[in-house]
């Protein structure tokens, strides 16, 4: 007979979900889609705007807005002032911000 686990463990988001990135000007859009739909409610609870803002503090200078898309079990984060001015003005290596989807997936949450 097993005992209930009282210990929380941390997992990186890449263990639970995948991400896609898009951009428009200086605004970055990051989607977060769990591999398993049953993890969607937990991800909604744990991956808050505040936690994403803290995790991406050196990247996103503006506000972050989170949208829930329950019909496809996904979250979308719209990150303002995130691309060093945007594709046509940025001197950054990744002016489109595609690699920032991986930055989001490096975030840890307790499960």
PDB file of N, CA and C in Angstrom:
ATOM      1  N   UNK A   1       0.841  -1.174   0.000  1.00  0.00           N
ATOM      2  CA  UNK A   1       0.000   0.000   0.000  1.00  0.00           C
ATOM      3  C   UNK A   1       0.886   1.236   0.000  1.00  0.00           C
ATOM      4  N   UNK A   2       0.662   2.128  -0.951  1.00  0.00           N
ATOM      5  CA  UNK A   2       1.487   3.322  -1.073  1.00  0.00           C
ATOM      6  C   UNK A   2       0.987   4.461  -0.206  1.00  0.00           C
ATOM      7  N   UNK A   3       1.880   5.355   0.074  1.00  0.00           N
ATOM      8  CA  UNK A   3       1.555   6.558   0.829  1.00  0.00           C
ATOM      9  C   UNK A   3       1.411   7.715  -0.144  1.00  0.00           C
ATOM     10  N   UNK A   4       0.502   8.653   0.156  1.00  0.00           N
ATOM     11  CA  UNK A   4       0.365   9.807  -0.741  1.00  0.00           C
ATOM     12  C   UNK A   4       1.648  10.646  -0.719  1.00  0.00           C
ATOM     13  N   UNK A   5       2.037  11.110  -1.860  1.00  0.00           N
ATOM     14  CA  UNK A   5       3.247  11.909  -1.974  1.00  0.00           C
ATOM     15  C   UNK A   5       2.969  13.320  -1.461  1.00  0.00           C
ATOM     16  N   UNK A   6       3.765  13.778  -0.518  1.00  0.00           N
ATOM     17  CA  UNK A   6       3.594  15.121   0.036  1.00  0.00           C
ATOM     18  C   UNK A   6       4.614  16.091  -0.522  1.00  0.00           C
ATOM     19  N   UNK A   7       5.490  15.599  -1.344  1.00  0.00           N
ATOM     20  CA  UNK A   7       6.546  16.432  -1.872  1.00  0.00           C
ATOM     21  C   UNK A   7       6.187  16.913  -3.269  1.00  0.00           C
ATOM     22  N   UNK A   8       6.396  18.189  -3.487  1.00  0.00           N
ATOM     23  CA  UNK A   8       6.206  18.752  -4.821  1.00  0.00           C
ATOM     24  C   UNK A   8       7.526  18.652  -5.557  1.00  0.00           C
ATOM     25  N   UNK A   9       7.450  18.425  -6.827  1.00  0.00           N
ATOM     26  CA  UNK A   9       8.668  18.421  -7.621  1.00  0.00           C
ATOM     27  C   UNK A   9       8.564  19.495  -8.688  1.00  0.00           C
ATOM     28  N   UNK A  10       9.706  19.974  -9.110  1.00  0.00           N
ATOM     29  CA  UNK A  10       9.730  20.991 -10.151  1.00  0.00           C
ATOM     30  C   UNK A  10      10.021  20.334 -11.489  1.00  0.00           C
ATOM     31  N   UNK A  11       9.349  20.860 -12.505  1.00  0.00           N
ATOM     32  CA  UNK A  11       9.593  20.416 -13.874  1.00  0.00           C
ATOM     33  C   UNK A  11       9.735  21.651 -14.746  1.00  0.00           C
ATOM     34  N   UNK A  12      10.556  21.517 -15.751  1.00  0.00           N
ATOM     35  CA  UNK A  12      10.648  22.580 -16.747  1.00  0.00           C
ATOM     36  C   UNK A  12       9.461  22.417 -17.701  1.00  0.00           C
ATOM     37  N   UNK A  13       8.995  23.532 -18.221  1.00  0.00           N
ATOM     38  CA  UNK A  13       7.836  23.476 -19.113  1.00  0.00           C
ATOM     39  C   UNK A  13       8.077  22.592 -20.328  1.00  0.00           C
ATOM     40  N   UNK A  14       9.319  22.487 -20.803  1.00  0.00           N
ATOM     41  CA  UNK A  14       9.572  21.651 -21.977  1.00  0.00           C
ATOM     42  C   UNK A  14       9.269  20.181 -21.717  1.00  0.00           C
ATOM     43  N   UNK A  15       9.156  19.781 -20.440  1.00  0.00           N
ATOM     44  CA  UNK A  15       8.783  18.405 -20.113  1.00  0.00           C
ATOM     45  C   UNK A  15       7.275  18.195 -20.230  1.00  0.00           C
ATOM     46  N   UNK A  16       6.511  19.293 -20.239  1.00  0.00           N
ATOM     47  CA  UNK A  16       5.052  19.221 -20.222  1.00  0.00           C
ATOM     48  C   UNK A  16       4.387  19.782 -21.478  1.00  0.00           C
ATOM     49  N   UNK A  17       5.112  20.636 -22.211  1.00  0.00           N
ATOM     50  CA  UNK A  17       4.453  21.368 -23.298  1.00  0.00           C
ATOM     51  C   UNK A  17       5.462  21.737 -24.384  1.00  0.00           C
ATOM     52  N   UNK A  18       4.904  22.202 -25.497  1.00  0.00           N
ATOM     53  CA  UNK A  18       5.733  22.780 -26.544  1.00  0.00           C
ATOM     54  C   UNK A  18       5.264  24.204 -26.781  1.00  0.00           C
ATOM     55  N   UNK A  19       6.033  24.959 -27.533  1.00  0.00           N
ATOM     56  CA  UNK A  19       5.741  26.368 -27.712  1.00  0.00           C
ATOM     57  C   UNK A  19       6.020  26.789 -29.140  1.00  0.00           C
ATOM     58  N   UNK A  20       5.323  27.816 -29.575  1.00  0.00           N
ATOM     59  CA  UNK A  20       5.559  28.442 -30.878  1.00  0.00           C
ATOM     60  C   UNK A  20       5.659  29.943 -30.637  1.00  0.00           C
ATOM     61  N   UNK A  21       6.377  30.620 -31.490  1.00  0.00           N
ATOM     62  CA  UNK A  21       6.542  32.063 -31.360  1.00  0.00           C
ATOM     63  C   UNK A  21       6.156  32.751 -32.651  1.00  0.00           C
ATOM     64  N   UNK A  22       5.655  33.960 -32.507  1.00  0.00           N
ATOM     65  CA  UNK A  22       5.345  34.811 -33.650  1.00  0.00           C
ATOM     66  C   UNK A  22       5.633  36.247 -33.258  1.00  0.00           C
ATOM     67  N   UNK A  23       5.637  37.142 -34.234  1.00  0.00           N
ATOM     68  CA  UNK A  23       5.944  38.527 -33.921  1.00  0.00           C
ATOM     69  C   UNK A  23       5.167  39.469 -34.814  1.00  0.00           C
ATOM     70  N   UNK A  24       5.015  40.674 -34.319  1.00  0.00           N
ATOM     71  CA  UNK A  24       4.436  41.778 -35.083  1.00  0.00           C
ATOM     72  C   UNK A  24       5.075  43.038 -34.522  1.00  0.00           C
ATOM     73  N   UNK A  25       5.965  43.619 -35.279  1.00  0.00           N
ATOM     74  CA  UNK A  25       6.673  44.796 -34.787  1.00  0.00           C
ATOM     75  C   UNK A  25       7.522  44.435 -33.580  1.00  0.00           C
ATOM     76  N   UNK A  26       7.322  45.136 -32.481  1.00  0.00           N
ATOM     77  CA  UNK A  26       8.076  44.913 -31.250  1.00  0.00           C
ATOM     78  C   UNK A  26       7.301  44.026 -30.274  1.00  0.00           C
ATOM     79  N   UNK A  27       6.282  43.338 -30.765  1.00  0.00           N
ATOM     80  CA  UNK A  27       5.442  42.489 -29.932  1.00  0.00           C
ATOM     81  C   UNK A  27       5.695  41.022 -30.274  1.00  0.00           C
ATOM     82  N   UNK A  28       5.906  40.242 -29.236  1.00  0.00           N
ATOM     83  CA  UNK A  28       6.170  38.814 -29.373  1.00  0.00           C
ATOM     84  C   UNK A  28       4.958  38.036 -28.887  1.00  0.00           C
ATOM     85  N   UNK A  29       4.533  37.028 -29.625  1.00  0.00           N
ATOM     86  CA  UNK A  29       3.473  36.126 -29.193  1.00  0.00           C
ATOM     87  C   UNK A  29       4.079  34.756 -28.951  1.00  0.00           C
ATOM     88  N   UNK A  30       3.821  34.217 -27.762  1.00  0.00           N
ATOM     89  CA  UNK A  30       4.308  32.883 -27.406  1.00  0.00           C
ATOM     90  C   UNK A  30       3.121  32.006 -27.057  1.00  0.00           C
ATOM     91  N   UNK A  31       3.001  30.888 -27.740  1.00  0.00           N
ATOM     92  CA  UNK A  31       1.956  29.926 -27.390  1.00  0.00           C
ATOM     93  C   UNK A  31       2.568  28.851 -26.509  1.00  0.00           C
ATOM     94  N   UNK A  32       1.751  28.266 -25.665  1.00  0.00           N
ATOM     95  CA  UNK A  32       2.168  27.169 -24.796  1.00  0.00           C
ATOM     96  C   UNK A  32       1.096  26.099 -24.892  1.00  0.00           C
ATOM     97  N   UNK A  33       1.465  24.943 -25.424  1.00  0.00           N
ATOM     98  CA  UNK A  33       0.507  23.877 -25.699  1.00  0.00           C
ATOM     99  C   UNK A  33       0.974  22.598 -25.008  1.00  0.00           C
ATOM    100  N   UNK A  34       0.214  22.124 -24.018  1.00  0.00           N
ATOM    101  CA  UNK A  34       0.641  20.907 -23.324  1.00  0.00           C
ATOM    102  C   UNK A  34       0.616  19.690 -24.248  1.00  0.00           C
ATOM    103  N   UNK A  35       1.565  18.784 -24.020  1.00  0.00           N
ATOM    104  CA  UNK A  35       1.579  17.534 -24.775  1.00  0.00           C
ATOM    105  C   UNK A  35       0.340  16.715 -24.463  1.00  0.00           C
ATOM    106  N   UNK A  36      -0.101  16.776 -23.206  1.00  0.00           N
ATOM    107  CA  UNK A  36      -1.254  16.012 -22.754  1.00  0.00           C
ATOM    108  C   UNK A  36      -2.342  16.995 -22.313  1.00  0.00           C
ATOM    109  N   UNK A  37      -3.515  16.909 -22.920  1.00  0.00           N
ATOM    110  CA  UNK A  37      -4.597  17.843 -22.604  1.00  0.00           C
ATOM    111  C   UNK A  37      -4.971  17.857 -21.131  1.00  0.00           C
ATOM    112  N   UNK A  38      -4.775  16.759 -20.430  1.00  0.00           N
ATOM    113  CA  UNK A  38      -5.136  16.724 -19.003  1.00  0.00           C
ATOM    114  C   UNK A  38      -4.260  17.657 -18.168  1.00  0.00           C
ATOM    115  N   UNK A  39      -3.113  18.086 -18.701  1.00  0.00           N
ATOM    116  CA  UNK A  39      -2.230  19.015 -17.999  1.00  0.00           C
ATOM    117  C   UNK A  39      -2.636  20.473 -18.185  1.00  0.00           C
ATOM    118  N   UNK A  40      -3.585  20.746 -19.059  1.00  0.00           N
ATOM    119  CA  UNK A  40      -3.979  22.127 -19.350  1.00  0.00           C
ATOM    120  C   UNK A  40      -4.452  22.883 -18.111  1.00  0.00           C
ATOM    121  N   UNK A  41      -5.364  22.346 -17.282  1.00  0.00           N
ATOM    122  CA  UNK A  41      -5.790  23.108 -16.097  1.00  0.00           C
ATOM    123  C   UNK A  41      -4.630  23.429 -15.151  1.00  0.00           C
ATOM    124  N   UNK A  42      -3.720  22.491 -14.969  1.00  0.00           N
ATOM    125  CA  UNK A  42      -2.570  22.718 -14.097  1.00  0.00           C
ATOM    126  C   UNK A  42      -1.661  23.794 -14.675  1.00  0.00           C
ATOM    127  N   UNK A  43      -1.441  23.767 -15.989  1.00  0.00           N
ATOM    128  CA  UNK A  43      -0.609  24.777 -16.626  1.00  0.00           C
ATOM    129  C   UNK A  43      -1.274  26.148 -16.523  1.00  0.00           C
ATOM    130  N   UNK A  44      -2.592  26.202 -16.693  1.00  0.00           N
ATOM    131  CA  UNK A  44      -3.310  27.473 -16.525  1.00  0.00           C
ATOM    132  C   UNK A  44      -3.109  28.029 -15.118  1.00  0.00           C
ATOM    133  N   UNK A  45      -3.122  27.161 -14.147  1.00  0.00           N
ATOM    134  CA  UNK A  45      -2.956  27.585 -12.750  1.00  0.00           C
ATOM    135  C   UNK A  45      -1.522  28.035 -12.455  1.00  0.00           C
ATOM    136  N   UNK A  46      -0.553  27.324 -12.979  1.00  0.00           N
ATOM    137  CA  UNK A  46       0.848  27.548 -12.608  1.00  0.00           C
ATOM    138  C   UNK A  46       1.583  28.565 -13.469  1.00  0.00           C
ATOM    139  N   UNK A  47       1.197  28.703 -14.724  1.00  0.00           N
ATOM    140  CA  UNK A  47       1.927  29.586 -15.646  1.00  0.00           C
ATOM    141  C   UNK A  47       1.153  30.902 -15.759  1.00  0.00           C
ATOM    142  N   UNK A  48       1.377  31.758 -14.785  1.00  0.00           N
ATOM    143  CA  UNK A  48       0.675  33.036 -14.704  1.00  0.00           C
ATOM    144  C   UNK A  48       1.469  34.123 -15.420  1.00  0.00           C
ATOM    145  N   UNK A  49       0.819  35.232 -15.680  1.00  0.00           N
ATOM    146  CA  UNK A  49       1.491  36.382 -16.283  1.00  0.00           C
ATOM    147  C   UNK A  49       2.648  36.827 -15.394  1.00  0.00           C
ATOM    148  N   UNK A  50       2.408  36.866 -14.099  1.00  0.00           N
ATOM    149  CA  UNK A  50       3.436  37.322 -13.164  1.00  0.00           C
ATOM    150  C   UNK A  50       4.684  36.431 -13.233  1.00  0.00           C
ATOM    151  N   UNK A  51       4.470  35.121 -13.289  1.00  0.00           N
ATOM    152  CA  UNK A  51       5.605  34.193 -13.339  1.00  0.00           C
ATOM    153  C   UNK A  51       6.342  34.278 -14.675  1.00  0.00           C
ATOM    154  N   UNK A  52       5.597  34.435 -15.763  1.00  0.00           N
ATOM    155  CA  UNK A  52       6.232  34.570 -17.076  1.00  0.00           C
ATOM    156  C   UNK A  52       7.009  35.886 -17.133  1.00  0.00           C
ATOM    157  N   UNK A  53       6.425  36.956 -16.621  1.00  0.00           N
ATOM    158  CA  UNK A  53       7.096  38.262 -16.606  1.00  0.00           C
ATOM    159  C   UNK A  53       8.403  38.171 -15.816  1.00  0.00           C
ATOM    160  N   UNK A  54       8.373  37.500 -14.677  1.00  0.00           N
ATOM    161  CA  UNK A  54       9.582  37.338 -13.868  1.00  0.00           C
ATOM    162  C   UNK A  54      10.619  36.488 -14.606  1.00  0.00           C
ATOM    163  N   UNK A  55      10.164  35.420 -15.240  1.00  0.00           N
ATOM    164  CA  UNK A  55      11.074  34.523 -15.954  1.00  0.00           C
ATOM    165  C   UNK A  55      11.739  35.212 -17.151  1.00  0.00           C
ATOM    166  N   UNK A  56      10.987  36.067 -17.849  1.00  0.00           N
ATOM    167  CA  UNK A  56      11.492  36.739 -19.048  1.00  0.00           C
ATOM    168  C   UNK A  56      11.877  38.194 -18.771  1.00  0.00           C
ATOM    169  N   UNK A  57      12.207  38.497 -17.525  1.00  0.00           N
ATOM    170  CA  UNK A  57      12.448  39.886 -17.102  1.00  0.00           C
ATOM    171  C   UNK A  57      13.558  40.588 -17.881  1.00  0.00           C
ATOM    172  N   UNK A  58      14.525  39.863 -18.351  1.00  0.00           N
ATOM    173  CA  UNK A  58      15.617  40.477 -19.108  1.00  0.00           C
ATOM    174  C   UNK A  58      15.313  40.583 -20.594  1.00  0.00           C
ATOM    175  N   UNK A  59      14.153  40.106 -21.014  1.00  0.00           N
ATOM    176  CA  UNK A  59      13.790  40.076 -22.430  1.00  0.00           C
ATOM    177  C   UNK A  59      12.591  40.976 -22.725  1.00  0.00           C
ATOM    178  N   UNK A  60      11.545  40.846 -21.908  1.00  0.00           N
ATOM    179  CA  UNK A  60      10.298  41.577 -22.144  1.00  0.00           C
ATOM    180  C   UNK A  60      10.290  42.841 -21.287  1.00  0.00           C
ATOM    181  N   UNK A  61      10.274  43.990 -21.946  1.00  0.00           N
ATOM    182  CA  UNK A  61      10.287  45.264 -21.228  1.00  0.00           C
ATOM    183  C   UNK A  61       8.882  45.799 -20.954  1.00  0.00           C
ATOM    184  N   UNK A  62       7.912  45.369 -21.735  1.00  0.00           N
ATOM    185  CA  UNK A  62       6.553  45.885 -21.596  1.00  0.00           C
ATOM    186  C   UNK A  62       5.638  44.909 -20.884  1.00  0.00           C
ATOM    187  N   UNK A  63       4.348  45.151 -21.049  1.00  0.00           N
ATOM    188  CA  UNK A  63       3.322  44.308 -20.438  1.00  0.00           C
ATOM    189  C   UNK A  63       3.229  42.965 -21.138  1.00  0.00           C
ATOM    190  N   UNK A  64       2.702  41.995 -20.398  1.00  0.00           N
ATOM    191  CA  UNK A  64       2.388  40.679 -20.949  1.00  0.00           C
ATOM    192  C   UNK A  64       0.908  40.428 -20.706  1.00  0.00           C
ATOM    193  N   UNK A  65       0.213  39.982 -21.735  1.00  0.00           N
ATOM    194  CA  UNK A  65      -1.213  39.636 -21.635  1.00  0.00           C
ATOM    195  C   UNK A  65      -1.339  38.157 -21.938  1.00  0.00           C
ATOM    196  N   UNK A  66      -2.090  37.432 -21.096  1.00  0.00           N
ATOM    197  CA  UNK A  66      -2.283  35.995 -21.318  1.00  0.00           C
ATOM    198  C   UNK A  66      -3.709  35.748 -21.795  1.00  0.00           C
ATOM    199  N   UNK A  67      -3.816  34.918 -22.830  1.00  0.00           N
ATOM    200  CA  UNK A  67      -5.112  34.490 -23.347  1.00  0.00           C
ATOM    201  C   UNK A  67      -5.216  32.983 -23.187  1.00  0.00           C
ATOM    202  N   UNK A  68      -6.334  32.526 -22.677  1.00  0.00           N
ATOM    203  CA  UNK A  68      -6.604  31.093 -22.585  1.00  0.00           C
ATOM    204  C   UNK A  68      -7.390  30.674 -23.813  1.00  0.00           C
ATOM    205  N   UNK A  69      -6.979  29.556 -24.403  1.00  0.00           N
ATOM    206  CA  UNK A  69      -7.646  29.031 -25.593  1.00  0.00           C
ATOM    207  C   UNK A  69      -8.045  27.585 -25.270  1.00  0.00           C
ATOM    208  N   UNK A  70      -9.108  27.407 -24.471  1.00  0.00           N
ATOM    209  CA  UNK A  70      -9.450  26.075 -23.973  1.00  0.00           C
ATOM    210  C   UNK A  70      -9.886  25.087 -25.043  1.00  0.00           C
ATOM    211  N   UNK A  71     -10.419  25.578 -26.160  1.00  0.00           N
ATOM    212  CA  UNK A  71     -10.871  24.638 -27.189  1.00  0.00           C
ATOM    213  C   UNK A  71      -9.710  23.882 -27.829  1.00  0.00           C
ATOM    214  N   UNK A  72      -8.491  24.408 -27.712  1.00  0.00           N
ATOM    215  CA  UNK A  72      -7.317  23.672 -28.189  1.00  0.00           C
ATOM    216  C   UNK A  72      -6.311  23.448 -27.052  1.00  0.00           C
ATOM    217  N   UNK A  73      -6.740  23.658 -25.814  1.00  0.00           N
ATOM    218  CA  UNK A  73      -5.909  23.453 -24.624  1.00  0.00           C
ATOM    219  C   UNK A  73      -4.568  24.176 -24.747  1.00  0.00           C
ATOM    220  N   UNK A  74      -4.626  25.487 -24.964  1.00  0.00           N
ATOM    221  CA  UNK A  74      -3.404  26.259 -25.148  1.00  0.00           C
ATOM    222  C   UNK A  74      -3.492  27.599 -24.431  1.00  0.00           C
ATOM    223  N   UNK A  75      -2.338  28.165 -24.171  1.00  0.00           N
ATOM    224  CA  UNK A  75      -2.234  29.526 -23.666  1.00  0.00           C
ATOM    225  C   UNK A  75      -1.465  30.342 -24.690  1.00  0.00           C
ATOM    226  N   UNK A  76      -1.782  31.625 -24.775  1.00  0.00           N
ATOM    227  CA  UNK A  76      -0.999  32.521 -25.614  1.00  0.00           C
ATOM    228  C   UNK A  76      -0.610  33.722 -24.774  1.00  0.00           C
ATOM    229  N   UNK A  77       0.673  34.061 -24.817  1.00  0.00           N
ATOM    230  CA  UNK A  77       1.199  35.215 -24.113  1.00  0.00           C
ATOM    231  C   UNK A  77       1.612  36.248 -25.151  1.00  0.00           C
ATOM    232  N   UNK A  78       1.051  37.445 -25.038  1.00  0.00           N
ATOM    233  CA  UNK A  78       1.397  38.548 -25.918  1.00  0.00           C
ATOM    234  C   UNK A  78       2.328  39.455 -25.116  1.00  0.00           C
ATOM    235  N   UNK A  79       3.565  39.534 -25.562  1.00  0.00           N
ATOM    236  CA  UNK A  79       4.627  40.233 -24.835  1.00  0.00           C
ATOM    237  C   UNK A  79       5.000  41.510 -25.585  1.00  0.00           C
ATOM    238  N   UNK A  80       4.708  42.652 -24.980  1.00  0.00           N
ATOM    239  CA  UNK A  80       4.974  43.945 -25.606  1.00  0.00           C
ATOM    240  C   UNK A  80       6.395  44.410 -25.285  1.00  0.00           C
ATOM    241  N   UNK A  81       6.980  45.117 -26.226  1.00  0.00           N
ATOM    242  CA  UNK A  81       8.348  45.634 -26.108  1.00  0.00           C
ATOM    243  C   UNK A  81       9.322  44.499 -25.788  1.00  0.00           C
ATOM    244  N   UNK A  82       9.333  43.506 -26.663  1.00  0.00           N
ATOM    245  CA  UNK A  82      10.111  42.294 -26.407  1.00  0.00           C
ATOM    246  C   UNK A  82      11.171  42.002 -27.463  1.00  0.00           C
ATOM    247  N   UNK A  83      11.209  42.761 -28.546  1.00  0.00           N
ATOM    248  CA  UNK A  83      12.093  42.396 -29.657  1.00  0.00           C
ATOM    249  C   UNK A  83      13.084  43.504 -30.012  1.00  0.00           C
ATOM    250  N   UNK A  84      13.486  44.270 -29.014  1.00  0.00           N
ATOM    251  CA  UNK A  84      14.495  45.328 -29.210  1.00  0.00           C
ATOM    252  C   UNK A  84      14.121  46.273 -30.349  1.00  0.00           C
ATOM    253  N   UNK A  85      12.844  46.574 -30.451  1.00  0.00           N
ATOM    254  CA  UNK A  85      12.379  47.510 -31.467  1.00  0.00           C
ATOM    255  C   UNK A  85      11.656  46.874 -32.638  1.00  0.00           C
ATOM    256  N   UNK A  86      11.846  45.588 -32.858  1.00  0.00           N
ATOM    257  CA  UNK A  86      11.178  44.906 -33.964  1.00  0.00           C
ATOM    258  C   UNK A  86      12.146  44.501 -35.057  1.00  0.00           C
ATOM    259  N   UNK A  87      11.655  43.721 -35.973  1.00  0.00           N
ATOM    260  CA  UNK A  87      12.478  43.096 -37.005  1.00  0.00           C
ATOM    261  C   UNK A  87      13.274  44.119 -37.815  1.00  0.00           C
ATOM    262  N   UNK A  88      12.675  45.214 -38.205  1.00  0.00           N
ATOM    263  CA  UNK A  88      13.357  46.162 -39.092  1.00  0.00           C
ATOM    264  C   UNK A  88      14.334  47.081 -38.373  1.00  0.00           C
ATOM    265  N   UNK A  89      14.275  47.154 -37.041  1.00  0.00           N
ATOM    266  CA  UNK A  89      15.157  48.072 -36.319  1.00  0.00           C
ATOM    267  C   UNK A  89      16.084  47.389 -35.325  1.00  0.00           C
ATOM    268  N   UNK A  90      15.854  46.141 -35.027  1.00  0.00           N
ATOM    269  CA  UNK A  90      16.621  45.442 -33.993  1.00  0.00           C
ATOM    270  C   UNK A  90      18.013  45.049 -34.476  1.00  0.00           C
ATOM    271  N   UNK A  91      18.964  45.140 -33.569  1.00  0.00           N
ATOM    272  CA  UNK A  91      20.309  44.635 -33.829  1.00  0.00           C
ATOM    273  C   UNK A  91      20.506  43.266 -33.193  1.00  0.00           C
ATOM    274  N   UNK A  92      19.420  42.699 -32.654  1.00  0.00           N
ATOM    275  CA  UNK A  92      19.483  41.384 -32.020  1.00  0.00           C
ATOM    276  C   UNK A  92      19.735  40.281 -33.031  1.00  0.00           C
ATOM    277  N   UNK A  93      20.324  39.202 -32.551  1.00  0.00           N
ATOM    278  CA  UNK A  93      20.604  38.042 -33.421  1.00  0.00           C
ATOM    279  C   UNK A  93      19.326  37.391 -33.930  1.00  0.00           C
ATOM    280  N   UNK A  94      18.284  37.365 -33.090  1.00  0.00           N
ATOM    281  CA  UNK A  94      17.016  36.723 -33.444  1.00  0.00           C
ATOM    282  C   UNK A  94      15.940  37.791 -33.473  1.00  0.00           C
ATOM    283  N   UNK A  95      15.874  38.540 -34.552  1.00  0.00           N
ATOM    284  CA  UNK A  95      14.949  39.676 -34.612  1.00  0.00           C
ATOM    285  C   UNK A  95      13.490  39.265 -34.597  1.00  0.00           C
ATOM    286  N   UNK A  96      13.181  38.037 -34.969  1.00  0.00           N
ATOM    287  CA  UNK A  96      11.800  37.550 -34.950  1.00  0.00           C
ATOM    288  C   UNK A  96      11.420  36.962 -33.594  1.00  0.00           C
ATOM    289  N   UNK A  97      12.378  36.662 -32.744  1.00  0.00           N
ATOM    290  CA  UNK A  97      12.093  36.122 -31.423  1.00  0.00           C
ATOM    291  C   UNK A  97      11.734  34.649 -31.405  1.00  0.00           C
ATOM    292  N   UNK A  98      12.053  33.919 -32.476  1.00  0.00           N
ATOM    293  CA  UNK A  98      11.686  32.497 -32.522  1.00  0.00           C
ATOM    294  C   UNK A  98      12.325  31.713 -31.383  1.00  0.00           C
ATOM    295  N   UNK A  99      13.556  32.049 -31.019  1.00  0.00           N
ATOM    296  CA  UNK A  99      14.232  31.311 -29.945  1.00  0.00           C
ATOM    297  C   UNK A  99      13.626  31.593 -28.577  1.00  0.00           C
ATOM    298  N   UNK A 100      12.804  32.623 -28.465  1.00  0.00           N
ATOM    299  CA  UNK A 100      12.218  32.944 -27.165  1.00  0.00           C
ATOM    300  C   UNK A 100      11.162  31.933 -26.733  1.00  0.00           C
ATOM    301  N   UNK A 101      10.656  31.141 -27.672  1.00  0.00           N
ATOM    302  CA  UNK A 101       9.765  30.055 -27.265  1.00  0.00           C
ATOM    303  C   UNK A 101      10.530  29.071 -26.388  1.00  0.00           C
ATOM    304  N   UNK A 102      11.812  28.857 -26.684  1.00  0.00           N
ATOM    305  CA  UNK A 102      12.637  27.971 -25.871  1.00  0.00           C
ATOM    306  C   UNK A 102      12.944  28.602 -24.522  1.00  0.00           C
ATOM    307  N   UNK A 103      13.070  29.931 -24.494  1.00  0.00           N
ATOM    308  CA  UNK A 103      13.287  30.618 -23.210  1.00  0.00           C
ATOM    309  C   UNK A 103      12.085  30.377 -22.294  1.00  0.00           C
ATOM    310  N   UNK A 104      10.867  30.453 -22.834  1.00  0.00           N
ATOM    311  CA  UNK A 104       9.675  30.183 -22.033  1.00  0.00           C
ATOM    312  C   UNK A 104       9.678  28.745 -21.529  1.00  0.00           C
ATOM    313  N   UNK A 105      10.057  27.806 -22.392  1.00  0.00           N
ATOM    314  CA  UNK A 105      10.044  26.388 -22.007  1.00  0.00           C
ATOM    315  C   UNK A 105      11.078  26.050 -20.939  1.00  0.00           C
ATOM    316  N   UNK A 106      12.033  26.905 -20.693  1.00  0.00           N
ATOM    317  CA  UNK A 106      13.016  26.705 -19.626  1.00  0.00           C
ATOM    318  C   UNK A 106      12.446  27.061 -18.250  1.00  0.00           C
ATOM    319  N   UNK A 107      11.277  27.670 -18.209  1.00  0.00           N
ATOM    320  CA  UNK A 107      10.656  28.046 -16.936  1.00  0.00           C
ATOM    321  C   UNK A 107      10.282  26.801 -16.140  1.00  0.00           C
ATOM    322  N   UNK A 108      10.509  26.849 -14.833  1.00  0.00           N
ATOM    323  CA  UNK A 108      10.158  25.737 -13.952  1.00  0.00           C
ATOM    324  C   UNK A 108       8.851  26.015 -13.213  1.00  0.00           C
ATOM    325  N   UNK A 109       8.058  24.962 -13.046  1.00  0.00           N
ATOM    326  CA  UNK A 109       6.849  25.045 -12.226  1.00  0.00           C
ATOM    327  C   UNK A 109       6.815  23.844 -11.292  1.00  0.00           C
ATOM    328  N   UNK A 110       6.094  24.003 -10.179  1.00  0.00           N
ATOM    329  CA  UNK A 110       5.907  22.870  -9.266  1.00  0.00           C
ATOM    330  C   UNK A 110       4.729  22.049  -9.729  1.00  0.00           C
ATOM    331  N   UNK A 111       4.929  20.739  -9.765  1.00  0.00           N
ATOM    332  CA  UNK A 111       3.848  19.828 -10.165  1.00  0.00           C
ATOM    333  C   UNK A 111       3.612  18.786  -9.088  1.00  0.00           C
TER     334      UNK A 111
END
